[in-house]
Amino acid sequence: MNRLKPLMLLLSLSVIVMLGLTGCGGSRVVFVHPSDGLLRLGPDVRGHVYYWNGSSWELSGNSVDLPEGWFAGDVQIPTEDNAEDAAH
């Protein structure tokens, strides 16, 4: 009986590690370079967003669900730093 305890412990730990590893491989992150233009959102996109409060951009306090099919991308908004470049 005493010889089975270490074997069962080792077996249990092995199963937990294998289950943990299979769960970690389910998601994939892809970096999209800002100069690549627009991309279209897929299902189950959730995160914090910036919104215009009338005078400046403000980060949302809560995560929001973004609808599938919406477009996202780098949009050049004129600021004091890049206003001269935007005029040309």
PDB file of N, CA and C in Angstrom:
ATOM      1  N   MET A   1       0.813  -1.196   0.000  1.00  0.00           N
ATOM      2  CA  MET A   1       0.000   0.000   0.000  1.00  0.00           C
ATOM      3  C   MET A   1       0.861   1.266   0.000  1.00  0.00           C
ATOM      4  N   ASN A   2       1.930   1.249   0.808  1.00  0.00           N
ATOM      5  CA  ASN A   2       2.824   2.403   0.872  1.00  0.00           C
ATOM      6  C   ASN A   2       3.558   2.628  -0.440  1.00  0.00           C
ATOM      7  N   ARG A   3       3.753   1.567  -1.217  1.00  0.00           N
ATOM      8  CA  ARG A   3       4.455   1.701  -2.493  1.00  0.00           C
ATOM      9  C   ARG A   3       3.541   2.317  -3.545  1.00  0.00           C
ATOM     10  N   LEU A   4       2.234   2.212  -3.364  1.00  0.00           N
ATOM     11  CA  LEU A   4       1.290   2.754  -4.342  1.00  0.00           C
ATOM     12  C   LEU A   4       1.108   4.270  -4.208  1.00  0.00           C
ATOM     13  N   LYS A   5       1.304   4.798  -3.019  1.00  0.00           N
ATOM     14  CA  LYS A   5       1.093   6.231  -2.803  1.00  0.00           C
ATOM     15  C   LYS A   5       1.993   7.094  -3.688  1.00  0.00           C
ATOM     16  N   PRO A   6       3.308   6.860  -3.723  1.00  0.00           N
ATOM     17  CA  PRO A   6       4.146   7.693  -4.608  1.00  0.00           C
ATOM     18  C   PRO A   6       3.780   7.514  -6.088  1.00  0.00           C
ATOM     19  N   LEU A   7       3.415   6.303  -6.468  1.00  0.00           N
ATOM     20  CA  LEU A   7       3.030   6.039  -7.854  1.00  0.00           C
ATOM     21  C   LEU A   7       1.742   6.779  -8.201  1.00  0.00           C
ATOM     22  N   MET A   8       0.766   6.776  -7.312  1.00  0.00           N
ATOM     23  CA  MET A   8      -0.496   7.471  -7.548  1.00  0.00           C
ATOM     24  C   MET A   8      -0.278   8.988  -7.578  1.00  0.00           C
ATOM     25  N   LEU A   9       0.600   9.482  -6.706  1.00  0.00           N
ATOM     26  CA  LEU A   9       0.913  10.899  -6.691  1.00  0.00           C
ATOM     27  C   LEU A   9       1.564  11.317  -8.008  1.00  0.00           C
ATOM     28  N   LEU A  10       2.509  10.534  -8.474  1.00  0.00           N
ATOM     29  CA  LEU A  10       3.181  10.818  -9.735  1.00  0.00           C
ATOM     30  C   LEU A  10       2.199  10.754 -10.903  1.00  0.00           C
ATOM     31  N   LEU A  11       1.337   9.772 -10.907  1.00  0.00           N
ATOM     32  CA  LEU A  11       0.338   9.629 -11.958  1.00  0.00           C
ATOM     33  C   LEU A  11      -0.632  10.814 -11.939  1.00  0.00           C
ATOM     34  N   SER A  12      -1.070  11.204 -10.754  1.00  0.00           N
ATOM     35  CA  SER A  12      -1.996  12.335 -10.628  1.00  0.00           C
ATOM     36  C   SER A  12      -1.356  13.629 -11.121  1.00  0.00           C
ATOM     37  N   LEU A  13      -0.124  13.880 -10.731  1.00  0.00           N
ATOM     38  CA  LEU A  13       0.576  15.079 -11.185  1.00  0.00           C
ATOM     39  C   LEU A  13       0.779  15.075 -12.692  1.00  0.00           C
ATOM     40  N   SER A  14       1.067  13.919 -13.260  1.00  0.00           N
ATOM     41  CA  SER A  14       1.248  13.807 -14.710  1.00  0.00           C
ATOM     42  C   SER A  14      -0.040  14.154 -15.446  1.00  0.00           C
ATOM     43  N   VAL A  15      -1.163  13.660 -14.948  1.00  0.00           N
ATOM     44  CA  VAL A  15      -2.458  13.946 -15.577  1.00  0.00           C
ATOM     45  C   VAL A  15      -2.775  15.433 -15.483  1.00  0.00           C
ATOM     46  N   ILE A  16      -2.531  16.052 -14.334  1.00  0.00           N
ATOM     47  CA  ILE A  16      -2.796  17.482 -14.165  1.00  0.00           C
ATOM     48  C   ILE A  16      -1.935  18.309 -15.115  1.00  0.00           C
ATOM     49  N   VAL A  17      -0.667  17.953 -15.249  1.00  0.00           N
ATOM     50  CA  VAL A  17       0.228  18.676 -16.157  1.00  0.00           C
ATOM     51  C   VAL A  17      -0.237  18.521 -17.597  1.00  0.00           C
ATOM     52  N   MET A  18      -0.616  17.323 -18.004  1.00  0.00           N
ATOM     53  CA  MET A  18      -1.073  17.101 -19.385  1.00  0.00           C
ATOM     54  C   MET A  18      -2.348  17.888 -19.667  1.00  0.00           C
ATOM     55  N   LEU A  19      -3.277  17.910 -18.729  1.00  0.00           N
ATOM     56  CA  LEU A  19      -4.502  18.673 -18.933  1.00  0.00           C
ATOM     57  C   LEU A  19      -4.207  20.166 -19.007  1.00  0.00           C
ATOM     58  N   GLY A  20      -3.294  20.641 -18.197  1.00  0.00           N
ATOM     59  CA  GLY A  20      -2.914  22.049 -18.239  1.00  0.00           C
ATOM     60  C   GLY A  20      -2.272  22.445 -19.550  1.00  0.00           C
ATOM     61  N   LEU A  21      -1.444  21.580 -20.094  1.00  0.00           N
ATOM     62  CA  LEU A  21      -0.776  21.881 -21.361  1.00  0.00           C
ATOM     63  C   LEU A  21      -1.743  21.884 -22.530  1.00  0.00           C
ATOM     64  N   THR A  22      -2.711  21.004 -22.531  1.00  0.00           N
ATOM     65  CA  THR A  22      -3.666  20.973 -23.642  1.00  0.00           C
ATOM     66  C   THR A  22      -4.576  22.190 -23.593  1.00  0.00           C
ATOM     67  N   GLY A  23      -4.871  22.704 -22.415  1.00  0.00           N
ATOM     68  CA  GLY A  23      -5.710  23.891 -22.301  1.00  0.00           C
ATOM     69  C   GLY A  23      -4.999  25.151 -22.733  1.00  0.00           C
ATOM     70  N   CYS A  24      -3.689  25.202 -22.635  1.00  0.00           N
ATOM     71  CA  CYS A  24      -2.930  26.407 -22.982  1.00  0.00           C
ATOM     72  C   CYS A  24      -2.739  26.562 -24.484  1.00  0.00           C
ATOM     73  N   GLY A  25      -2.895  25.521 -25.244  1.00  0.00           N
ATOM     74  CA  GLY A  25      -2.641  25.602 -26.669  1.00  0.00           C
ATOM     75  C   GLY A  25      -3.848  25.987 -27.488  1.00  0.00           C
ATOM     76  N   GLY A  26      -4.962  26.337 -26.847  1.00  0.00           N
ATOM     77  CA  GLY A  26      -6.195  26.594 -27.565  1.00  0.00           C
ATOM     78  C   GLY A  26      -6.327  27.972 -28.173  1.00  0.00           C
ATOM     79  N   SER A  27      -5.590  28.950 -27.708  1.00  0.00           N
ATOM     80  CA  SER A  27      -5.740  30.290 -28.255  1.00  0.00           C
ATOM     81  C   SER A  27      -4.483  30.697 -29.007  1.00  0.00           C
ATOM     82  N   ARG A  28      -4.671  31.659 -29.908  1.00  0.00           N
ATOM     83  CA  ARG A  28      -3.551  32.113 -30.721  1.00  0.00           C
ATOM     84  C   ARG A  28      -3.643  33.620 -30.858  1.00  0.00           C
ATOM     85  N   VAL A  29      -2.535  34.293 -30.696  1.00  0.00           N
ATOM     86  CA  VAL A  29      -2.490  35.739 -30.824  1.00  0.00           C
ATOM     87  C   VAL A  29      -1.703  36.076 -32.074  1.00  0.00           C
ATOM     88  N   VAL A  30      -2.255  36.963 -32.889  1.00  0.00           N
ATOM     89  CA  VAL A  30      -1.590  37.391 -34.113  1.00  0.00           C
ATOM     90  C   VAL A  30      -1.408  38.898 -34.044  1.00  0.00           C
ATOM     91  N   PHE A  31      -0.172  39.374 -34.222  1.00  0.00           N
ATOM     92  CA  PHE A  31       0.093  40.804 -34.237  1.00  0.00           C
ATOM     93  C   PHE A  31      -0.127  41.337 -35.645  1.00  0.00           C
ATOM     94  N   VAL A  32      -0.931  42.379 -35.759  1.00  0.00           N
ATOM     95  CA  VAL A  32      -1.178  43.027 -37.043  1.00  0.00           C
ATOM     96  C   VAL A  32      -0.474  44.373 -37.012  1.00  0.00           C
ATOM     97  N   HIS A  33       0.463  44.571 -37.909  1.00  0.00           N
ATOM     98  CA  HIS A  33       1.220  45.820 -37.961  1.00  0.00           C
ATOM     99  C   HIS A  33       0.281  46.972 -38.331  1.00  0.00           C
ATOM    100  N   PRO A  34       0.380  48.115 -37.666  1.00  0.00           N
ATOM    101  CA  PRO A  34      -0.528  49.232 -37.934  1.00  0.00           C
ATOM    102  C   PRO A  34      -0.552  49.693 -39.386  1.00  0.00           C
ATOM    103  N   SER A  35       0.541  49.564 -40.096  1.00  0.00           N
ATOM    104  CA  SER A  35       0.560  50.041 -41.478  1.00  0.00           C
ATOM    105  C   SER A  35      -0.117  49.081 -42.437  1.00  0.00           C
ATOM    106  N   ASP A  36      -0.592  47.945 -41.955  1.00  0.00           N
ATOM    107  CA  ASP A  36      -1.242  46.969 -42.833  1.00  0.00           C
ATOM    108  C   ASP A  36      -2.692  47.316 -43.127  1.00  0.00           C
ATOM    109  N   GLY A  37      -3.187  48.421 -42.623  1.00  0.00           N
ATOM    110  CA  GLY A  37      -4.542  48.854 -42.929  1.00  0.00           C
ATOM    111  C   GLY A  37      -5.572  48.266 -41.986  1.00  0.00           C
ATOM    112  N   LEU A  38      -6.756  48.026 -42.522  1.00  0.00           N
ATOM    113  CA  LEU A  38      -7.876  47.560 -41.707  1.00  0.00           C
ATOM    114  C   LEU A  38      -7.909  46.044 -41.576  1.00  0.00           C
ATOM    115  N   LEU A  39      -8.551  45.599 -40.501  1.00  0.00           N
ATOM    116  CA  LEU A  39      -8.842  44.189 -40.345  1.00  0.00           C
ATOM    117  C   LEU A  39     -10.279  44.073 -39.873  1.00  0.00           C
ATOM    118  N   ARG A  40     -10.868  42.912 -40.056  1.00  0.00           N
ATOM    119  CA  ARG A  40     -12.267  42.678 -39.678  1.00  0.00           C
ATOM    120  C   ARG A  40     -12.296  41.764 -38.467  1.00  0.00           C
ATOM    121  N   LEU A  41     -13.072  42.151 -37.444  1.00  0.00           N
ATOM    122  CA  LEU A  41     -13.123  41.392 -36.202  1.00  0.00           C
ATOM    123  C   LEU A  41     -13.885  40.081 -36.379  1.00  0.00           C
ATOM    124  N   GLY A  42     -13.394  39.058 -35.720  1.00  0.00           N
ATOM    125  CA  GLY A  42     -14.049  37.765 -35.713  1.00  0.00           C
ATOM    126  C   GLY A  42     -14.971  37.641 -34.499  1.00  0.00           C
ATOM    127  N   PRO A  43     -15.444  36.436 -34.226  1.00  0.00           N
ATOM    128  CA  PRO A  43     -16.340  36.239 -33.090  1.00  0.00           C
ATOM    129  C   PRO A  43     -15.597  36.334 -31.757  1.00  0.00           C
ATOM    130  N   ASP A  44     -16.334  36.671 -30.721  1.00  0.00           N
ATOM    131  CA  ASP A  44     -15.836  36.657 -29.342  1.00  0.00           C
ATOM    132  C   ASP A  44     -14.656  37.595 -29.105  1.00  0.00           C
ATOM    133  N   VAL A  45     -14.726  38.819 -29.610  1.00  0.00           N
ATOM    134  CA  VAL A  45     -13.687  39.810 -29.346  1.00  0.00           C
ATOM    135  C   VAL A  45     -14.164  40.665 -28.174  1.00  0.00           C
ATOM    136  N   ARG A  46     -13.335  40.761 -27.145  1.00  0.00           N
ATOM    137  CA  ARG A  46     -13.697  41.488 -25.931  1.00  0.00           C
ATOM    138  C   ARG A  46     -12.477  42.255 -25.436  1.00  0.00           C
ATOM    139  N   GLY A  47     -12.687  43.493 -24.988  1.00  0.00           N
ATOM    140  CA  GLY A  47     -11.576  44.263 -24.444  1.00  0.00           C
ATOM    141  C   GLY A  47     -11.987  45.676 -24.085  1.00  0.00           C
ATOM    142  N   HIS A  48     -11.032  46.419 -23.572  1.00  0.00           N
ATOM    143  CA  HIS A  48     -11.248  47.833 -23.252  1.00  0.00           C
ATOM    144  C   HIS A  48     -11.115  48.639 -24.534  1.00  0.00           C
ATOM    145  N   VAL A  49     -11.884  49.710 -24.641  1.00  0.00           N
ATOM    146  CA  VAL A  49     -11.833  50.575 -25.817  1.00  0.00           C
ATOM    147  C   VAL A  49     -11.718  52.021 -25.378  1.00  0.00           C
ATOM    148  N   TYR A  50     -11.205  52.856 -26.265  1.00  0.00           N
ATOM    149  CA  TYR A  50     -11.194  54.292 -26.037  1.00  0.00           C
ATOM    150  C   TYR A  50     -12.453  54.885 -26.658  1.00  0.00           C
ATOM    151  N   TYR A  51     -13.033  55.862 -26.005  1.00  0.00           N
ATOM    152  CA  TYR A  51     -14.183  56.569 -26.553  1.00  0.00           C
ATOM    153  C   TYR A  51     -13.972  58.071 -26.378  1.00  0.00           C
ATOM    154  N   TRP A  52     -14.609  58.838 -27.267  1.00  0.00           N
ATOM    155  CA  TRP A  52     -14.479  60.291 -27.246  1.00  0.00           C
ATOM    156  C   TRP A  52     -15.493  60.841 -26.253  1.00  0.00           C
ATOM    157  N   ASN A  53     -15.029  61.563 -25.229  1.00  0.00           N
ATOM    158  CA  ASN A  53     -15.931  62.100 -24.207  1.00  0.00           C
ATOM    159  C   ASN A  53     -16.339  63.548 -24.481  1.00  0.00           C
ATOM    160  N   GLY A  54     -16.025  64.053 -25.666  1.00  0.00           N
ATOM    161  CA  GLY A  54     -16.358  65.421 -26.033  1.00  0.00           C
ATOM    162  C   GLY A  54     -15.158  66.338 -26.066  1.00  0.00           C
ATOM    163  N   SER A  55     -14.106  65.964 -25.314  1.00  0.00           N
ATOM    164  CA  SER A  55     -12.896  66.803 -25.327  1.00  0.00           C
ATOM    165  C   SER A  55     -11.619  65.992 -25.440  1.00  0.00           C
ATOM    166  N   SER A  56     -11.669  64.698 -25.103  1.00  0.00           N
ATOM    167  CA  SER A  56     -10.471  63.852 -25.209  1.00  0.00           C
ATOM    168  C   SER A  56     -10.886  62.379 -25.263  1.00  0.00           C
ATOM    169  N   TRP A  57      -9.926  61.545 -25.620  1.00  0.00           N
ATOM    170  CA  TRP A  57     -10.166  60.106 -25.650  1.00  0.00           C
ATOM    171  C   TRP A  57     -10.009  59.543 -24.243  1.00  0.00           C
ATOM    172  N   GLU A  58     -10.948  58.680 -23.848  1.00  0.00           N
ATOM    173  CA  GLU A  58     -10.942  58.103 -22.506  1.00  0.00           C
ATOM    174  C   GLU A  58     -11.078  56.586 -22.608  1.00  0.00           C
ATOM    175  N   LEU A  59     -10.280  55.870 -21.811  1.00  0.00           N
ATOM    176  CA  LEU A  59     -10.312  54.412 -21.817  1.00  0.00           C
ATOM    177  C   LEU A  59     -11.505  53.917 -21.010  1.00  0.00           C
ATOM    178  N   SER A  60     -12.241  52.966 -21.558  1.00  0.00           N
ATOM    179  CA  SER A  60     -13.405  52.428 -20.856  1.00  0.00           C
ATOM    180  C   SER A  60     -12.975  51.708 -19.589  1.00  0.00           C
ATOM    181  N   GLY A  61     -13.784  51.803 -18.547  1.00  0.00           N
ATOM    182  CA  GLY A  61     -13.487  51.141 -17.287  1.00  0.00           C
ATOM    183  C   GLY A  61     -13.762  49.653 -17.331  1.00  0.00           C
ATOM    184  N   ASN A  62     -14.702  49.250 -18.161  1.00  0.00           N
ATOM    185  CA  ASN A  62     -15.079  47.843 -18.274  1.00  0.00           C
ATOM    186  C   ASN A  62     -14.722  47.312 -19.656  1.00  0.00           C
ATOM    187  N   SER A  63     -14.556  46.008 -19.742  1.00  0.00           N
ATOM    188  CA  SER A  63     -14.389  45.369 -21.043  1.00  0.00           C
ATOM    189  C   SER A  63     -15.730  45.367 -21.759  1.00  0.00           C
ATOM    190  N   VAL A  64     -15.680  45.477 -23.071  1.00  0.00           N
ATOM    191  CA  VAL A  64     -16.905  45.445 -23.870  1.00  0.00           C
ATOM    192  C   VAL A  64     -16.778  44.359 -24.934  1.00  0.00           C
ATOM    193  N   ASP A  65     -17.917  43.808 -25.347  1.00  0.00           N
ATOM    194  CA  ASP A  65     -17.954  42.854 -26.455  1.00  0.00           C
ATOM    195  C   ASP A  65     -18.031  43.641 -27.748  1.00  0.00           C
ATOM    196  N   LEU A  66     -17.137  43.353 -28.684  1.00  0.00           N
ATOM    197  CA  LEU A  66     -17.145  44.015 -29.977  1.00  0.00           C
ATOM    198  C   LEU A  66     -17.804  43.099 -30.995  1.00  0.00           C
ATOM    199  N   PRO A  67     -18.763  43.616 -31.753  1.00  0.00           N
ATOM    200  CA  PRO A  67     -19.524  42.770 -32.678  1.00  0.00           C
ATOM    201  C   PRO A  67     -18.655  42.174 -33.791  1.00  0.00           C
ATOM    202  N   GLU A  68     -18.947  40.945 -34.113  1.00  0.00           N
ATOM    203  CA  GLU A  68     -18.275  40.288 -35.234  1.00  0.00           C
ATOM    204  C   GLU A  68     -18.578  41.063 -36.511  1.00  0.00           C
ATOM    205  N   GLY A  69     -17.545  41.260 -37.326  1.00  0.00           N
ATOM    206  CA  GLY A  69     -17.722  41.967 -38.587  1.00  0.00           C
ATOM    207  C   GLY A  69     -17.309  43.425 -38.541  1.00  0.00           C
ATOM    208  N   TRP A  70     -17.155  43.999 -37.354  1.00  0.00           N
ATOM    209  CA  TRP A  70     -16.689  45.384 -37.264  1.00  0.00           C
ATOM    210  C   TRP A  70     -15.262  45.458 -37.782  1.00  0.00           C
ATOM    211  N   PHE A  71     -14.900  46.633 -38.282  1.00  0.00           N
ATOM    212  CA  PHE A  71     -13.552  46.850 -38.780  1.00  0.00           C
ATOM    213  C   PHE A  71     -12.727  47.587 -37.729  1.00  0.00           C
ATOM    214  N   ALA A  72     -11.444  47.271 -37.690  1.00  0.00           N
ATOM    215  CA  ALA A  72     -10.506  47.943 -36.790  1.00  0.00           C
ATOM    216  C   ALA A  72      -9.230  48.202 -37.571  1.00  0.00           C
ATOM    217  N   GLY A  73      -8.541  49.257 -37.188  1.00  0.00           N
ATOM    218  CA  GLY A  73      -7.286  49.543 -37.868  1.00  0.00           C
ATOM    219  C   GLY A  73      -6.692  50.847 -37.393  1.00  0.00           C
ATOM    220  N   ASP A  74      -5.563  51.179 -37.968  1.00  0.00           N
ATOM    221  CA  ASP A  74      -4.845  52.386 -37.614  1.00  0.00           C
ATOM    222  C   ASP A  74      -5.417  53.550 -38.405  1.00  0.00           C
ATOM    223  N   VAL A  75      -5.957  54.526 -37.701  1.00  0.00           N
ATOM    224  CA  VAL A  75      -6.495  55.721 -38.332  1.00  0.00           C
ATOM    225  C   VAL A  75      -5.655  56.896 -37.859  1.00  0.00           C
ATOM    226  N   GLN A  76      -5.129  57.657 -38.784  1.00  0.00           N
ATOM    227  CA  GLN A  76      -4.305  58.808 -38.427  1.00  0.00           C
ATOM    228  C   GLN A  76      -5.205  59.975 -38.041  1.00  0.00           C
ATOM    229  N   ILE A  77      -5.216  60.324 -36.756  1.00  0.00           N
ATOM    230  CA  ILE A  77      -5.996  61.452 -36.255  1.00  0.00           C
ATOM    231  C   ILE A  77      -5.040  62.624 -36.094  1.00  0.00           C
ATOM    232  N   PRO A  78      -5.349  63.772 -36.712  1.00  0.00           N
ATOM    233  CA  PRO A  78      -4.436  64.911 -36.606  1.00  0.00           C
ATOM    234  C   PRO A  78      -4.259  65.370 -35.157  1.00  0.00           C
ATOM    235  N   THR A  79      -3.018  65.570 -34.763  1.00  0.00           N
ATOM    236  CA  THR A  79      -2.670  66.134 -33.462  1.00  0.00           C
ATOM    237  C   THR A  79      -1.690  67.260 -33.720  1.00  0.00           C
ATOM    238  N   GLU A  80      -1.309  67.952 -32.680  1.00  0.00           N
ATOM    239  CA  GLU A  80      -0.335  69.030 -32.851  1.00  0.00           C
ATOM    240  C   GLU A  80       0.986  68.496 -33.392  1.00  0.00           C
ATOM    241  N   ASP A  81       1.349  67.263 -33.017  1.00  0.00           N
ATOM    242  CA  ASP A  81       2.619  66.683 -33.445  1.00  0.00           C
ATOM    243  C   ASP A  81       2.644  66.336 -34.925  1.00  0.00           C
ATOM    244  N   ASN A  82       1.497  65.866 -35.462  1.00  0.00           N
ATOM    245  CA  ASN A  82       1.512  65.408 -36.857  1.00  0.00           C
ATOM    246  C   ASN A  82       0.605  66.264 -37.761  1.00  0.00           C
ATOM    247  N   ALA A  83       0.155  67.420 -37.305  1.00  0.00           N
ATOM    248  CA  ALA A  83      -0.764  68.253 -38.087  1.00  0.00           C
ATOM    249  C   ALA A  83      -0.128  68.714 -39.400  1.00  0.00           C
ATOM    250  N   GLU A  84       1.154  69.038 -39.376  1.00  0.00           N
ATOM    251  CA  GLU A  84       1.823  69.475 -40.593  1.00  0.00           C
ATOM    252  C   GLU A  84       1.899  68.347 -41.617  1.00  0.00           C
ATOM    253  N   ASP A  85       2.179  67.115 -41.159  1.00  0.00           N
ATOM    254  CA  ASP A  85       2.238  65.958 -42.057  1.00  0.00           C
ATOM    255  C   ASP A  85       0.865  65.663 -42.634  1.00  0.00           C
ATOM    256  N   ALA A  86      -0.195  65.819 -41.836  1.00  0.00           N
ATOM    257  CA  ALA A  86      -1.552  65.514 -42.289  1.00  0.00           C
ATOM    258  C   ALA A  86      -2.023  66.513 -43.337  1.00  0.00           C
ATOM    259  N   ALA A  87      -1.482  67.741 -43.324  1.00  0.00           N
ATOM    260  CA  ALA A  87      -1.891  68.757 -44.275  1.00  0.00           C
ATOM    261  C   ALA A  87      -1.376  68.493 -45.681  1.00  0.00           C
ATOM    262  N   HIS A  88      -0.334  67.688 -45.804  1.00  0.00           N
ATOM    263  CA  HIS A  88       0.274  67.417 -47.121  1.00  0.00           C
ATOM    264  C   HIS A  88      -0.283  66.216 -47.720  1.00  0.00           C
TER     265      HIS A  88
END
